[in-house]
Amino acid sequence: MSISISISSLTSYLSSLSFSSQVSQKPNTLSFSRSKSLSFSPSPKPLLVSATVASPVESETTDLKKLVKSRLPGGFAAQPIIGTGRRKCAIARVVLQEGTGKVIINYRDAKEYLQGNPLWLQYIKVPLVTLGYESSYDVFVKAHGGGLSGQAQAISLGISRALLKVSESHRSPLKREGLLTRDSRVVERKKVITKESLLAAQRDDIHTVMELLSLEEHQARSLLIHHRWDVDRVLQLLIEKGRDKLYAEVGVTIIDHDDIILPELSSMIECNICFDNVSASEVTAMDCGHFFCNSCWTQHFIVKINEGQSRRIRCMAPQCNAVCDDVKIRHLVSMHNPNLAEKFDRFLFESYIEDNKRVKWCPSVPHCGNAIRVQDDELCEVECACGIQFCFSCLSEAHSPCSCIMWELWSKKCEDESETVNWITVHTKPCPKCHKPIEKNGGCNLVCCVCGQAFCWLCGGATGREHTWTTIVNHSCGRYKEDHFKKTGRAKRDLERYVHYYNRYKAHLDSFKLESDLKEVINGKISTLEERDSKSKDFTWIMNGLHILFRSRRILSATYPFAYYMFGDELLKDEMKDKEKEIKKNLFENQQQQFEGNVEKLSLFLGEEFELYNDNEILDLRMRIIAVSVSTDNLCRNLYDHIENDLLGSLTWTVHRIAPYKSRGVLRSS
């Protein structure tokens, strides 16, 4: 049976499965009434998607686990035809073996795992169908993160990359169909907003849920706070769990107010909290039907607000999980303490940032007052309007290609050891024999260690003990090489290794800070040329080169902490064998060295005194800077691809995600 469906239509259908946060006014809308049943308005071409998840049979799962283990001896990482695909938060590791077209995902049959959805089942097989291999390979997948739609697209990308290992000739047809692109959507999914628009954004999300589910404002807010302000997640759980279970988990109670029986206003009732007899006019009832005197409600609300629990204050009745109406809370508290009512409103507003995985405050110090919102929760790096660049996931400074875990460990290590390392680096040199740090106490550059080894203080190379005013016996200078002799102590080797990577990281970081002044210097040189009435009028090429230099220098500095943890034993000890680690380390360092060479060349070109050049020399400089800029960008992209797919993508036991590479750099606020 052939599959006649285009890639673009599949992608658009998959994207449509995610609920939009906008409410359409067209006839083909998804409407939810207040009744317990979901109603879908008619559509000319309905796409029926089953939301029923069949529970797997334990015996079948066990049999599939045995099958996978027998077919994949040594695990996924040991297989020759393997590929990794990513889509938003979904990650899939795919292994291909010659077979009959069977697909197993997380030890379950693909049809069962993907809930029988024909669209997802077709999409994961598109790369195989494109090459005519739909019945030639069995597919084994480990997938996690994201939803089933994202996992299906991640699996498709993983299969495409695995097919490249079968034959490089497959690249052209797969690329032509757009199957080798991590994310086929061209529209930027991330958006930077300012503090002034946060309240409007919060209201938009609340009103979206209110209109779709016919809820009151405080009920919609409670649902969104519980699910971290993810509108799509709320609607997805509504279909999967049903209205009653979803509301019960959150504490939203839907009761017709006509069913709540209150005493007449002229009567007196007893409050079940303080046991005082109060007038019915001094009693307030919540959605759950429980009512108590206003004084008890007010004291309850004051305590909760002062304890920082004001985002979802629950009813006082025993075993009642209902969330109180924030309008009634505000009314009662404001009569007692208006300042506390303002504090309550501020907590509700701040919950949109602090409880929302898609909105975060800028980490600038002092705080600039801005917040950043992204359209999805994909790992990314952003730049605030105040100029600070940071990782949206961990709020640290931009650190790709390091993962957040690596950067956290590196930052802590630098804080703990940097001062010691700085002193050792400045005042001592390691003995080439025993590797102990040696401090020079005289003016002669021929230094002798307590172990008896003489060495040159200038280069650190081992020498003979005899010397004259101009020469040293057996003197030779060389580059640093890691010591492989087993008798060197582990602690000393670790310190040397750390110093090696830290020095290079710090050197590029210092270069980045010094080069930050280049923009002002270059603008001055451009002004000089304009005053000289030069023929060259367009200098965007030099500003583009400067932007690439800044971005590349920062990335280059972060590659050293990445290499420290990727090829060390501190974080990923059991992920690679020594031989495999050495091969991957050499490949990485080759690419890193090429990238580093281009960055230094670009820095050299941008530092030239071009304001003194004639028009021909400026044209020559323009060609050189454009060529090196393009080359540097390509090398940086290739390095990212190598890190993401060949290094981090091959990990078996741990998951490290990095922000995707952007030629334009991090996302900037407008």
Foldseek 3Di string as FASTA:
>chain_A
DADPDAPVVLVVVLVPVQDDLDADPDQQGFAQDQDQDGDGGDDPDDDDDDLDADDDDPVQLVVLVVVVCVVDPPDLLPAQQWFWAFFFFKIKIKDKDFAFQFEAEPSHGPCNVLVNRPSLVVQLCVLCSLVVNNGTIYMYMYMDTDDSSRNSLRNQLGNQSSVCSVDVVSVVSCVVSVSNDRDPDPDAQFAFDWLVCLVVVVVSSQVSCCRRNVDDSLLSLLLCLVVQNDSSVSVSCCVNPTDVVSCVVSQAAADDPVPQDADDQADWDAFPPPRDTDGSVQWDAFRVNDIGGLVVLQVQQLVCLVVLNLSFRFDPDPPRSHGGDLVSNLVSNCVVPVVSSVSSVVSSSCSNAPSHLQKHAQPDVVGPRTMTGGNGNGWAWEAEPVGFIATSRPNHGAQPPAFPVLVVVVVVCCVVCVVVLVCLVVAFAAAPPQGDTDGDDDDDQFDADPVGWTAGNVANHTFDPDDDPVGTHPHDHDDDDQDDDPVHDPVSSLSVLCSVLVVLLVVLVVVLVVLVCLVVVVVVLLVLLVVVVAPDDDDVLLVLLSQLLNQLSSNLSSVSSVLCVLLDCPHQNPFDDPVVSVVLSVVLVVLSVVLVVLSVVSVVLSPDSCSPPHPVVVVVSSVVSNVSSVVNLVSVQVSSVCCVIVRQVSGDPDHGDHHHDDSSDGHYHD
